[in-house]
Amino acid sequence: MNAEENAVNVQDGLENEIIDALKTVYDPEIPVNIYELGLIYNIAVGDAGHIDVTMTLTSPACPVAGTLPGEVEMKVQSVGGVESAHVEVVWDPVWNPSMMTDAARLELGMM
């Protein structure tokens, strides 16, 4: 395995650990974690352990709009190998229930 392949494997492993951490964050109104809800649009693993997360909320009026992004940032920063994290909340594309995983739909009785 060359250095480039090794770096990709490390990034993939780190991304999987971040996803596991995000699966512990729940929307307080919906008993499903934010990852399964489809609120996480992108996780970018950069050099030197910097992570950029692009996410959305179920609606702009979400009661945790002021706190959930900070909670996500703290969860990401708690993962070993992460040096810093930045969370950006976007509204495009607009979240809708079709973005949920099958597991989330099943949990919510939508299947």
PDB file of N, CA and C in Angstrom:
ATOM      1  N   MET A   1       0.857  -1.178   0.000  1.00  0.00           N
ATOM      2  CA  MET A   1       0.000   0.000   0.000  1.00  0.00           C
ATOM      3  C   MET A   1       0.900   1.237   0.000  1.00  0.00           C
ATOM      4  N   ASN A   2       0.614   2.148  -0.917  1.00  0.00           N
ATOM      5  CA  ASN A   2       1.429   3.358  -0.968  1.00  0.00           C
ATOM      6  C   ASN A   2       0.889   4.410   0.000  1.00  0.00           C
ATOM      7  N   ALA A   3       1.598   5.512   0.137  1.00  0.00           N
ATOM      8  CA  ALA A   3       1.237   6.561   1.098  1.00  0.00           C
ATOM      9  C   ALA A   3      -0.128   7.160   0.789  1.00  0.00           C
ATOM     10  N   GLU A   4      -0.445   7.308  -0.492  1.00  0.00           N
ATOM     11  CA  GLU A   4      -1.740   7.896  -0.871  1.00  0.00           C
ATOM     12  C   GLU A   4      -2.894   6.982  -0.466  1.00  0.00           C
ATOM     13  N   GLU A   5      -2.749   5.693  -0.717  1.00  0.00           N
ATOM     14  CA  GLU A   5      -3.790   4.732  -0.321  1.00  0.00           C
ATOM     15  C   GLU A   5      -3.945   4.685   1.190  1.00  0.00           C
ATOM     16  N   ASN A   6      -2.834   4.767   1.904  1.00  0.00           N
ATOM     17  CA  ASN A   6      -2.878   4.769   3.358  1.00  0.00           C
ATOM     18  C   ASN A   6      -3.616   6.003   3.875  1.00  0.00           C
ATOM     19  N   ALA A   7      -3.359   7.163   3.275  1.00  0.00           N
ATOM     20  CA  ALA A   7      -4.033   8.399   3.681  1.00  0.00           C
ATOM     21  C   ALA A   7      -5.530   8.299   3.445  1.00  0.00           C
ATOM     22  N   VAL A   8      -5.932   7.699   2.331  1.00  0.00           N
ATOM     23  CA  VAL A   8      -7.364   7.520   2.032  1.00  0.00           C
ATOM     24  C   VAL A   8      -7.997   6.604   3.075  1.00  0.00           C
ATOM     25  N   ASN A   9      -7.311   5.515   3.435  1.00  0.00           N
ATOM     26  CA  ASN A   9      -7.839   4.594   4.444  1.00  0.00           C
ATOM     27  C   ASN A   9      -7.992   5.276   5.796  1.00  0.00           C
ATOM     28  N   VAL A  10      -7.028   6.111   6.171  1.00  0.00           N
ATOM     29  CA  VAL A  10      -7.105   6.843   7.435  1.00  0.00           C
ATOM     30  C   VAL A  10      -8.287   7.802   7.400  1.00  0.00           C
ATOM     31  N   GLN A  11      -8.458   8.516   6.282  1.00  0.00           N
ATOM     32  CA  GLN A  11      -9.579   9.454   6.162  1.00  0.00           C
ATOM     33  C   GLN A  11     -10.915   8.716   6.226  1.00  0.00           C
ATOM     34  N   ASP A  12     -11.015   7.578   5.543  1.00  0.00           N
ATOM     35  CA  ASP A  12     -12.253   6.798   5.572  1.00  0.00           C
ATOM     36  C   ASP A  12     -12.553   6.318   6.984  1.00  0.00           C
ATOM     37  N   GLY A  13     -11.531   5.861   7.701  1.00  0.00           N
ATOM     38  CA  GLY A  13     -11.710   5.404   9.073  1.00  0.00           C
ATOM     39  C   GLY A  13     -12.163   6.531   9.977  1.00  0.00           C
ATOM     40  N   LEU A  14     -11.565   7.707   9.816  1.00  0.00           N
ATOM     41  CA  LEU A  14     -11.937   8.866  10.615  1.00  0.00           C
ATOM     42  C   LEU A  14     -13.369   9.283  10.304  1.00  0.00           C
ATOM     43  N   GLU A  15     -13.731   9.273   9.028  1.00  0.00           N
ATOM     44  CA  GLU A  15     -15.099   9.631   8.657  1.00  0.00           C
ATOM     45  C   GLU A  15     -16.106   8.659   9.286  1.00  0.00           C
ATOM     46  N   ASN A  16     -15.784   7.384   9.288  1.00  0.00           N
ATOM     47  CA  ASN A  16     -16.682   6.404   9.908  1.00  0.00           C
ATOM     48  C   ASN A  16     -16.833   6.646  11.406  1.00  0.00           C
ATOM     49  N   GLU A  17     -15.744   7.017  12.078  1.00  0.00           N
ATOM     50  CA  GLU A  17     -15.816   7.326  13.510  1.00  0.00           C
ATOM     51  C   GLU A  17     -16.662   8.576  13.748  1.00  0.00           C
ATOM     52  N   ILE A  18     -16.548   9.550  12.866  1.00  0.00           N
ATOM     53  CA  ILE A  18     -17.354  10.770  12.977  1.00  0.00           C
ATOM     54  C   ILE A  18     -18.826  10.433  12.786  1.00  0.00           C
ATOM     55  N   ILE A  19     -19.129   9.607  11.816  1.00  0.00           N
ATOM     56  CA  ILE A  19     -20.520   9.190  11.586  1.00  0.00           C
ATOM     57  C   ILE A  19     -21.062   8.491  12.828  1.00  0.00           C
ATOM     58  N   ASP A  20     -20.260   7.615  13.424  1.00  0.00           N
ATOM     59  CA  ASP A  20     -20.698   6.943  14.656  1.00  0.00           C
ATOM     60  C   ASP A  20     -21.002   7.957  15.754  1.00  0.00           C
ATOM     61  N   ALA A  21     -20.163   8.991  15.872  1.00  0.00           N
ATOM     62  CA  ALA A  21     -20.398  10.036  16.873  1.00  0.00           C
ATOM     63  C   ALA A  21     -21.680  10.809  16.562  1.00  0.00           C
ATOM     64  N   LEU A  22     -21.911  11.102  15.280  1.00  0.00           N
ATOM     65  CA  LEU A  22     -23.114  11.850  14.897  1.00  0.00           C
ATOM     66  C   LEU A  22     -24.379  11.044  15.132  1.00  0.00           C
ATOM     67  N   LYS A  23     -24.264   9.743  15.106  1.00  0.00           N
ATOM     68  CA  LYS A  23     -25.425   8.891  15.359  1.00  0.00           C
ATOM     69  C   LYS A  23     -25.850   8.908  16.830  1.00  0.00           C
ATOM     70  N   THR A  24     -25.095   9.621  17.672  1.00  0.00           N
ATOM     71  CA  THR A  24     -25.489   9.783  19.076  1.00  0.00           C
ATOM     72  C   THR A  24     -26.195  11.104  19.319  1.00  0.00           C
ATOM     73  N   VAL A  25     -26.369  11.901  18.261  1.00  0.00           N
ATOM     74  CA  VAL A  25     -27.036  13.200  18.367  1.00  0.00           C
ATOM     75  C   VAL A  25     -28.456  13.050  17.826  1.00  0.00           C
ATOM     76  N   TYR A  26     -29.425  13.435  18.633  1.00  0.00           N
ATOM     77  CA  TYR A  26     -30.824  13.271  18.260  1.00  0.00           C
ATOM     78  C   TYR A  26     -31.535  14.602  18.140  1.00  0.00           C
ATOM     79  N   ASP A  27     -32.430  14.660  17.185  1.00  0.00           N
ATOM     80  CA  ASP A  27     -33.360  15.773  17.101  1.00  0.00           C
ATOM     81  C   ASP A  27     -34.318  15.580  18.275  1.00  0.00           C
ATOM     82  N   PRO A  28     -34.514  16.594  19.115  1.00  0.00           N
ATOM     83  CA  PRO A  28     -35.340  16.396  20.310  1.00  0.00           C
ATOM     84  C   PRO A  28     -36.820  16.118  20.023  1.00  0.00           C
ATOM     85  N   GLU A  29     -37.275  16.444  18.832  1.00  0.00           N
ATOM     86  CA  GLU A  29     -38.681  16.235  18.501  1.00  0.00           C
ATOM     87  C   GLU A  29     -38.930  14.934  17.765  1.00  0.00           C
ATOM     88  N   ILE A  30     -37.854  14.310  17.269  1.00  0.00           N
ATOM     89  CA  ILE A  30     -37.991  13.090  16.478  1.00  0.00           C
ATOM     90  C   ILE A  30     -37.032  12.061  17.079  1.00  0.00           C
ATOM     91  N   PRO A  31     -37.518  10.889  17.452  1.00  0.00           N
ATOM     92  CA  PRO A  31     -36.649   9.921  18.134  1.00  0.00           C
ATOM     93  C   PRO A  31     -35.701   9.154  17.201  1.00  0.00           C
ATOM     94  N   VAL A  32     -35.031   9.885  16.317  1.00  0.00           N
ATOM     95  CA  VAL A  32     -34.089   9.301  15.370  1.00  0.00           C
ATOM     96  C   VAL A  32     -32.864  10.213  15.339  1.00  0.00           C
ATOM     97  N   ASN A  33     -31.678   9.614  15.214  1.00  0.00           N
ATOM     98  CA  ASN A  33     -30.466  10.438  15.214  1.00  0.00           C
ATOM     99  C   ASN A  33     -30.372  11.280  13.933  1.00  0.00           C
ATOM    100  N   ILE A  34     -29.606  12.348  14.014  1.00  0.00           N
ATOM    101  CA  ILE A  34     -29.547  13.306  12.908  1.00  0.00           C
ATOM    102  C   ILE A  34     -28.924  12.734  11.651  1.00  0.00           C
ATOM    103  N   TYR A  35     -28.038  11.745  11.806  1.00  0.00           N
ATOM    104  CA  TYR A  35     -27.435  11.137  10.618  1.00  0.00           C
ATOM    105  C   TYR A  35     -28.471  10.327   9.846  1.00  0.00           C
ATOM    106  N   GLU A  36     -29.223   9.492  10.549  1.00  0.00           N
ATOM    107  CA  GLU A  36     -30.261   8.674   9.911  1.00  0.00           C
ATOM    108  C   GLU A  36     -31.404   9.538   9.369  1.00  0.00           C
ATOM    109  N   LEU A  37     -31.629  10.691   9.994  1.00  0.00           N
ATOM    110  CA  LEU A  37     -32.656  11.609   9.493  1.00  0.00           C
ATOM    111  C   LEU A  37     -32.258  12.250   8.168  1.00  0.00           C
ATOM    112  N   GLY A  38     -30.982  12.200   7.844  1.00  0.00           N
ATOM    113  CA  GLY A  38     -30.507  12.810   6.605  1.00  0.00           C
ATOM    114  C   GLY A  38     -30.159  14.273   6.763  1.00  0.00           C
ATOM    115  N   LEU A  39     -29.929  14.708   7.996  1.00  0.00           N
ATOM    116  CA  LEU A  39     -29.600  16.112   8.227  1.00  0.00           C
ATOM    117  C   LEU A  39     -28.134  16.435   7.946  1.00  0.00           C
ATOM    118  N   ILE A  40     -27.294  15.407   7.858  1.00  0.00           N
ATOM    119  CA  ILE A  40     -25.873  15.609   7.558  1.00  0.00           C
ATOM    120  C   ILE A  40     -25.698  15.461   6.052  1.00  0.00           C
ATOM    121  N   TYR A  41     -25.340  16.544   5.392  1.00  0.00           N
ATOM    122  CA  TYR A  41     -25.190  16.531   3.947  1.00  0.00           C
ATOM    123  C   TYR A  41     -23.774  16.141   3.506  1.00  0.00           C
ATOM    124  N   ASN A  42     -22.762  16.541   4.289  1.00  0.00           N
ATOM    125  CA  ASN A  42     -21.396  16.242   3.875  1.00  0.00           C
ATOM    126  C   ASN A  42     -20.464  16.283   5.075  1.00  0.00           C
ATOM    127  N   ILE A  43     -19.478  15.394   5.056  1.00  0.00           N
ATOM    128  CA  ILE A  43     -18.391  15.390   6.027  1.00  0.00           C
ATOM    129  C   ILE A  43     -17.104  15.416   5.219  1.00  0.00           C
ATOM    130  N   ALA A  44     -16.363  16.491   5.346  1.00  0.00           N
ATOM    131  CA  ALA A  44     -15.098  16.624   4.613  1.00  0.00           C
ATOM    132  C   ALA A  44     -13.948  16.502   5.601  1.00  0.00           C
ATOM    133  N   VAL A  45     -13.117  15.487   5.390  1.00  0.00           N
ATOM    134  CA  VAL A  45     -11.951  15.257   6.232  1.00  0.00           C
ATOM    135  C   VAL A  45     -10.764  15.919   5.545  1.00  0.00           C
ATOM    136  N   GLY A  46     -10.262  16.972   6.168  1.00  0.00           N
ATOM    137  CA  GLY A  46      -9.157  17.703   5.574  1.00  0.00           C
ATOM    138  C   GLY A  46      -7.831  17.324   6.188  1.00  0.00           C
ATOM    139  N   ASP A  47      -6.810  17.996   5.739  1.00  0.00           N
ATOM    140  CA  ASP A  47      -5.462  17.771   6.258  1.00  0.00           C
ATOM    141  C   ASP A  47      -5.399  18.160   7.730  1.00  0.00           C
ATOM    142  N   ALA A  48      -4.512  17.507   8.438  1.00  0.00           N
ATOM    143  CA  ALA A  48      -4.220  17.819   9.839  1.00  0.00           C
ATOM    144  C   ALA A  48      -5.439  17.680  10.745  1.00  0.00           C
ATOM    145  N   GLY A  49      -6.367  16.804  10.371  1.00  0.00           N
ATOM    146  CA  GLY A  49      -7.502  16.524  11.251  1.00  0.00           C
ATOM    147  C   GLY A  49      -8.560  17.601  11.302  1.00  0.00           C
ATOM    148  N   HIS A  50      -8.636  18.462  10.281  1.00  0.00           N
ATOM    149  CA  HIS A  50      -9.705  19.460  10.239  1.00  0.00           C
ATOM    150  C   HIS A  50     -10.918  18.855   9.536  1.00  0.00           C
ATOM    151  N   ILE A  51     -12.077  19.009  10.139  1.00  0.00           N
ATOM    152  CA  ILE A  51     -13.311  18.443   9.614  1.00  0.00           C
ATOM    153  C   ILE A  51     -14.302  19.557   9.336  1.00  0.00           C
ATOM    154  N   ASP A  52     -14.903  19.526   8.155  1.00  0.00           N
ATOM    155  CA  ASP A  52     -15.991  20.436   7.807  1.00  0.00           C
ATOM    156  C   ASP A  52     -17.247  19.600   7.639  1.00  0.00           C
ATOM    157  N   VAL A  53     -18.291  19.977   8.361  1.00  0.00           N
ATOM    158  CA  VAL A  53     -19.575  19.286   8.281  1.00  0.00           C
ATOM    159  C   VAL A  53     -20.592  20.259   7.715  1.00  0.00           C
ATOM    160  N   THR A  54     -21.299  19.802   6.689  1.00  0.00           N
ATOM    161  CA  THR A  54     -22.407  20.577   6.137  1.00  0.00           C
ATOM    162  C   THR A  54     -23.681  19.854   6.536  1.00  0.00           C
ATOM    163  N   MET A  55     -24.583  20.583   7.155  1.00  0.00           N
ATOM    164  CA  MET A  55     -25.814  19.964   7.634  1.00  0.00           C
ATOM    165  C   MET A  55     -26.981  20.925   7.465  1.00  0.00           C
ATOM    166  N   THR A  56     -28.157  20.413   7.724  1.00  0.00           N
ATOM    167  CA  THR A  56     -29.351  21.230   7.715  1.00  0.00           C
ATOM    168  C   THR A  56     -30.169  20.875   8.938  1.00  0.00           C
ATOM    169  N   LEU A  57     -31.299  21.482   9.065  1.00  0.00           N
ATOM    170  CA  LEU A  57     -32.256  21.183  10.127  1.00  0.00           C
ATOM    171  C   LEU A  57     -33.583  20.848   9.468  1.00  0.00           C
ATOM    172  N   THR A  58     -34.484  20.263  10.226  1.00  0.00           N
ATOM    173  CA  THR A  58     -35.766  19.885   9.628  1.00  0.00           C
ATOM    174  C   THR A  58     -36.552  21.104   9.173  1.00  0.00           C
ATOM    175  N   SER A  59     -36.328  22.251   9.821  1.00  0.00           N
ATOM    176  CA  SER A  59     -36.956  23.497   9.378  1.00  0.00           C
ATOM    177  C   SER A  59     -36.192  24.670   9.978  1.00  0.00           C
ATOM    178  N   PRO A  60     -36.277  25.845   9.361  1.00  0.00           N
ATOM    179  CA  PRO A  60     -35.607  27.019   9.928  1.00  0.00           C
ATOM    180  C   PRO A  60     -36.134  27.374  11.322  1.00  0.00           C
ATOM    181  N   ALA A  61     -37.352  26.973  11.612  1.00  0.00           N
ATOM    182  CA  ALA A  61     -37.948  27.270  12.921  1.00  0.00           C
ATOM    183  C   ALA A  61     -37.669  26.181  13.947  1.00  0.00           C
ATOM    184  N   CYS A  62     -36.775  25.269  13.638  1.00  0.00           N
ATOM    185  CA  CYS A  62     -36.431  24.177  14.550  1.00  0.00           C
ATOM    186  C   CYS A  62     -36.046  24.764  15.911  1.00  0.00           C
ATOM    187  N   PRO A  63     -36.633  24.247  16.998  1.00  0.00           N
ATOM    188  CA  PRO A  63     -36.359  24.822  18.311  1.00  0.00           C
ATOM    189  C   PRO A  63     -34.902  24.697  18.765  1.00  0.00           C
ATOM    190  N   VAL A  64     -34.132  23.812  18.155  1.00  0.00           N
ATOM    191  CA  VAL A  64     -32.725  23.662  18.546  1.00  0.00           C
ATOM    192  C   VAL A  64     -31.775  24.246  17.504  1.00  0.00           C
ATOM    193  N   ALA A  65     -32.292  25.119  16.654  1.00  0.00           N
ATOM    194  CA  ALA A  65     -31.460  25.718  15.602  1.00  0.00           C
ATOM    195  C   ALA A  65     -30.247  26.432  16.183  1.00  0.00           C
ATOM    196  N   GLY A  66     -30.379  26.993  17.363  1.00  0.00           N
ATOM    197  CA  GLY A  66     -29.264  27.712  17.978  1.00  0.00           C
ATOM    198  C   GLY A  66     -28.274  26.823  18.697  1.00  0.00           C
ATOM    199  N   THR A  67     -28.670  25.593  19.047  1.00  0.00           N
ATOM    200  CA  THR A  67     -27.795  24.734  19.842  1.00  0.00           C
ATOM    201  C   THR A  67     -27.322  23.472  19.123  1.00  0.00           C
ATOM    202  N   LEU A  68     -28.117  22.932  18.207  1.00  0.00           N
ATOM    203  CA  LEU A  68     -27.768  21.666  17.576  1.00  0.00           C
ATOM    204  C   LEU A  68     -26.455  21.737  16.783  1.00  0.00           C
ATOM    205  N   PRO A  69     -26.206  22.772  15.991  1.00  0.00           N
ATOM    206  CA  PRO A  69     -24.920  22.829  15.274  1.00  0.00           C
ATOM    207  C   PRO A  69     -23.721  22.819  16.231  1.00  0.00           C
ATOM    208  N   GLY A  70     -23.821  23.482  17.355  1.00  0.00           N
ATOM    209  CA  GLY A  70     -22.748  23.467  18.343  1.00  0.00           C
ATOM    210  C   GLY A  70     -22.558  22.090  18.949  1.00  0.00           C
ATOM    211  N   GLU A  71     -23.664  21.384  19.192  1.00  0.00           N
ATOM    212  CA  GLU A  71     -23.574  20.022  19.703  1.00  0.00           C
ATOM    213  C   GLU A  71     -22.890  19.112  18.682  1.00  0.00           C
ATOM    214  N   VAL A  72     -23.233  19.281  17.418  1.00  0.00           N
ATOM    215  CA  VAL A  72     -22.609  18.490  16.354  1.00  0.00           C
ATOM    216  C   VAL A  72     -21.111  18.774  16.321  1.00  0.00           C
ATOM    217  N   GLU A  73     -20.738  20.036  16.391  1.00  0.00           N
ATOM    218  CA  GLU A  73     -19.325  20.402  16.373  1.00  0.00           C
ATOM    219  C   GLU A  73     -18.576  19.769  17.544  1.00  0.00           C
ATOM    220  N   MET A  74     -19.167  19.795  18.734  1.00  0.00           N
ATOM    221  CA  MET A  74     -18.519  19.190  19.906  1.00  0.00           C
ATOM    222  C   MET A  74     -18.380  17.677  19.747  1.00  0.00           C
ATOM    223  N   LYS A  75     -19.394  17.012  19.206  1.00  0.00           N
ATOM    224  CA  LYS A  75     -19.317  15.562  18.991  1.00  0.00           C
ATOM    225  C   LYS A  75     -18.212  15.219  18.007  1.00  0.00           C
ATOM    226  N   VAL A  76     -18.115  15.989  16.938  1.00  0.00           N
ATOM    227  CA  VAL A  76     -17.075  15.736  15.936  1.00  0.00           C
ATOM    228  C   VAL A  76     -15.700  15.958  16.553  1.00  0.00           C
ATOM    229  N   GLN A  77     -15.552  17.037  17.320  1.00  0.00           N
ATOM    230  CA  GLN A  77     -14.255  17.333  17.935  1.00  0.00           C
ATOM    231  C   GLN A  77     -13.861  16.299  18.988  1.00  0.00           C
ATOM    232  N   SER A  78     -14.822  15.539  19.505  1.00  0.00           N
ATOM    233  CA  SER A  78     -14.510  14.537  20.523  1.00  0.00           C
ATOM    234  C   SER A  78     -13.914  13.255  19.932  1.00  0.00           C
ATOM    235  N   VAL A  79     -13.952  13.120  18.614  1.00  0.00           N
ATOM    236  CA  VAL A  79     -13.430  11.930  17.949  1.00  0.00           C
ATOM    237  C   VAL A  79     -11.906  12.013  17.887  1.00  0.00           C
ATOM    238  N   GLY A  80     -11.251  10.925  18.268  1.00  0.00           N
ATOM    239  CA  GLY A  80      -9.793  10.878  18.210  1.00  0.00           C
ATOM    240  C   GLY A  80      -9.289  11.124  16.802  1.00  0.00           C
ATOM    241  N   GLY A  81      -8.284  11.962  16.666  1.00  0.00           N
ATOM    242  CA  GLY A  81      -7.726  12.288  15.355  1.00  0.00           C
ATOM    243  C   GLY A  81      -8.290  13.564  14.775  1.00  0.00           C
ATOM    244  N   VAL A  82      -9.354  14.088  15.384  1.00  0.00           N
ATOM    245  CA  VAL A  82      -9.937  15.349  14.923  1.00  0.00           C
ATOM    246  C   VAL A  82      -9.276  16.474  15.706  1.00  0.00           C
ATOM    247  N   GLU A  83      -8.683  17.405  14.985  1.00  0.00           N
ATOM    248  CA  GLU A  83      -8.034  18.558  15.615  1.00  0.00           C
ATOM    249  C   GLU A  83      -8.969  19.755  15.706  1.00  0.00           C
ATOM    250  N   SER A  84      -9.823  19.915  14.692  1.00  0.00           N
ATOM    251  CA  SER A  84     -10.768  21.022  14.692  1.00  0.00           C
ATOM    252  C   SER A  84     -11.955  20.651  13.812  1.00  0.00           C
ATOM    253  N   ALA A  85     -13.062  21.324  14.072  1.00  0.00           N
ATOM    254  CA  ALA A  85     -14.271  21.055  13.293  1.00  0.00           C
ATOM    255  C   ALA A  85     -15.029  22.353  13.072  1.00  0.00           C
ATOM    256  N   HIS A  86     -15.667  22.415  11.936  1.00  0.00           N
ATOM    257  CA  HIS A  86     -16.529  23.547  11.599  1.00  0.00           C
ATOM    258  C   HIS A  86     -17.826  22.984  11.048  1.00  0.00           C
ATOM    259  N   VAL A  87     -18.941  23.493  11.547  1.00  0.00           N
ATOM    260  CA  VAL A  87     -20.254  23.051  11.085  1.00  0.00           C
ATOM    261  C   VAL A  87     -20.932  24.215  10.383  1.00  0.00           C
ATOM    262  N   GLU A  88     -21.382  23.943   9.177  1.00  0.00           N
ATOM    263  CA  GLU A  88     -22.128  24.949   8.413  1.00  0.00           C
ATOM    264  C   GLU A  88     -23.548  24.439   8.216  1.00  0.00           C
ATOM    265  N   VAL A  89     -24.526  25.271   8.583  1.00  0.00           N
ATOM    266  CA  VAL A  89     -25.931  24.931   8.376  1.00  0.00           C
ATOM    267  C   VAL A  89     -26.370  25.566   7.063  1.00  0.00           C
ATOM    268  N   VAL A  90     -26.935  24.736   6.194  1.00  0.00           N
ATOM    269  CA  VAL A  90     -27.410  25.215   4.894  1.00  0.00           C
ATOM    270  C   VAL A  90     -28.898  24.881   4.749  1.00  0.00           C
ATOM    271  N   TRP A  91     -29.537  25.568   3.855  1.00  0.00           N
ATOM    272  CA  TRP A  91     -30.972  25.339   3.620  1.00  0.00           C
ATOM    273  C   TRP A  91     -31.249  24.864   2.208  1.00  0.00           C
ATOM    274  N   ASP A  92     -30.202  24.618   1.449  1.00  0.00           N
ATOM    275  CA  ASP A  92     -30.352  24.140   0.089  1.00  0.00           C
ATOM    276  C   ASP A  92     -29.442  22.943  -0.110  1.00  0.00           C
ATOM    277  N   PRO A  93     -29.971  21.794  -0.387  1.00  0.00           N
ATOM    278  CA  PRO A  93     -31.387  21.526  -0.622  1.00  0.00           C
ATOM    279  C   PRO A  93     -32.173  21.514   0.684  1.00  0.00           C
ATOM    280  N   VAL A  94     -33.433  21.827   0.558  1.00  0.00           N
ATOM    281  CA  VAL A  94     -34.333  21.815   1.706  1.00  0.00           C
ATOM    282  C   VAL A  94     -34.529  20.371   2.144  1.00  0.00           C
ATOM    283  N   TRP A  95     -34.416  20.138   3.446  1.00  0.00           N
ATOM    284  CA  TRP A  95     -34.613  18.779   3.971  1.00  0.00           C
ATOM    285  C   TRP A  95     -36.054  18.347   3.758  1.00  0.00           C
ATOM    286  N   ASN A  96     -36.220  17.063   3.460  1.00  0.00           N
ATOM    287  CA  ASN A  96     -37.561  16.485   3.389  1.00  0.00           C
ATOM    288  C   ASN A  96     -37.450  15.021   3.814  1.00  0.00           C
ATOM    289  N   PRO A  97     -38.558  14.398   4.180  1.00  0.00           N
ATOM    290  CA  PRO A  97     -38.517  13.030   4.707  1.00  0.00           C
ATOM    291  C   PRO A  97     -37.898  11.999   3.769  1.00  0.00           C
ATOM    292  N   SER A  98     -37.836  12.264   2.476  1.00  0.00           N
ATOM    293  CA  SER A  98     -37.221  11.288   1.566  1.00  0.00           C
ATOM    294  C   SER A  98     -35.714  11.167   1.793  1.00  0.00           C
ATOM    295  N   MET A  99     -35.127  12.093   2.539  1.00  0.00           N
ATOM    296  CA  MET A  99     -33.691  12.067   2.819  1.00  0.00           C
ATOM    297  C   MET A  99     -33.344  11.118   3.969  1.00  0.00           C
ATOM    298  N   MET A 100     -34.353  10.628   4.667  1.00  0.00           N
ATOM    299  CA  MET A 100     -34.111   9.715   5.780  1.00  0.00           C
ATOM    300  C   MET A 100     -33.688   8.345   5.260  1.00  0.00           C
ATOM    301  N   THR A 101     -32.909   7.649   6.070  1.00  0.00           N
ATOM    302  CA  THR A 101     -32.530   6.288   5.722  1.00  0.00           C
ATOM    303  C   THR A 101     -33.742   5.373   5.922  1.00  0.00           C
ATOM    304  N   ASP A 102     -33.647   4.188   5.365  1.00  0.00           N
ATOM    305  CA  ASP A 102     -34.718   3.209   5.575  1.00  0.00           C
ATOM    306  C   ASP A 102     -34.888   2.901   7.059  1.00  0.00           C
ATOM    307  N   ALA A 103     -33.780   2.850   7.798  1.00  0.00           N
ATOM    308  CA  ALA A 103     -33.850   2.578   9.241  1.00  0.00           C
ATOM    309  C   ALA A 103     -34.652   3.664   9.958  1.00  0.00           C
ATOM    310  N   ALA A 104     -34.466   4.925   9.562  1.00  0.00           N
ATOM    311  CA  ALA A 104     -35.212   6.029  10.180  1.00  0.00           C
ATOM    312  C   ALA A 104     -36.698   5.920   9.825  1.00  0.00           C
ATOM    313  N   ARG A 105     -36.994   5.639   8.577  1.00  0.00           N
ATOM    314  CA  ARG A 105     -38.399   5.497   8.168  1.00  0.00           C
ATOM    315  C   ARG A 105     -39.076   4.362   8.933  1.00  0.00           C
ATOM    316  N   LEU A 106     -38.358   3.257   9.098  1.00  0.00           N
ATOM    317  CA  LEU A 106     -38.897   2.129   9.830  1.00  0.00           C
ATOM    318  C   LEU A 106     -39.153   2.509  11.278  1.00  0.00           C
ATOM    319  N   GLU A 107     -38.200   3.198  11.915  1.00  0.00           N
ATOM    320  CA  GLU A 107     -38.331   3.633  13.300  1.00  0.00           C
ATOM    321  C   GLU A 107     -39.545   4.532  13.489  1.00  0.00           C
ATOM    322  N   LEU A 108     -39.826   5.345  12.493  1.00  0.00           N
ATOM    323  CA  LEU A 108     -40.946   6.291  12.573  1.00  0.00           C
ATOM    324  C   LEU A 108     -42.244   5.725  12.007  1.00  0.00           C
ATOM    325  N   GLY A 109     -42.232   4.461  11.630  1.00  0.00           N
ATOM    326  CA  GLY A 109     -43.446   3.820  11.108  1.00  0.00           C
ATOM    327  C   GLY A 109     -43.849   4.327   9.744  1.00  0.00           C
ATOM    328  N   MET A 110     -42.879   4.750   8.952  1.00  0.00           N
ATOM    329  CA  MET A 110     -43.175   5.285   7.617  1.00  0.00           C
ATOM    330  C   MET A 110     -42.954   4.253   6.520  1.00  0.00           C
ATOM    331  N   MET A 111     -42.695   3.002   6.886  1.00  0.00           N
ATOM    332  CA  MET A 111     -42.470   1.951   5.881  1.00  0.00           C
ATOM    333  C   MET A 111     -43.486   0.860   6.070  1.00  0.00           C
TER     334      MET A 111
END
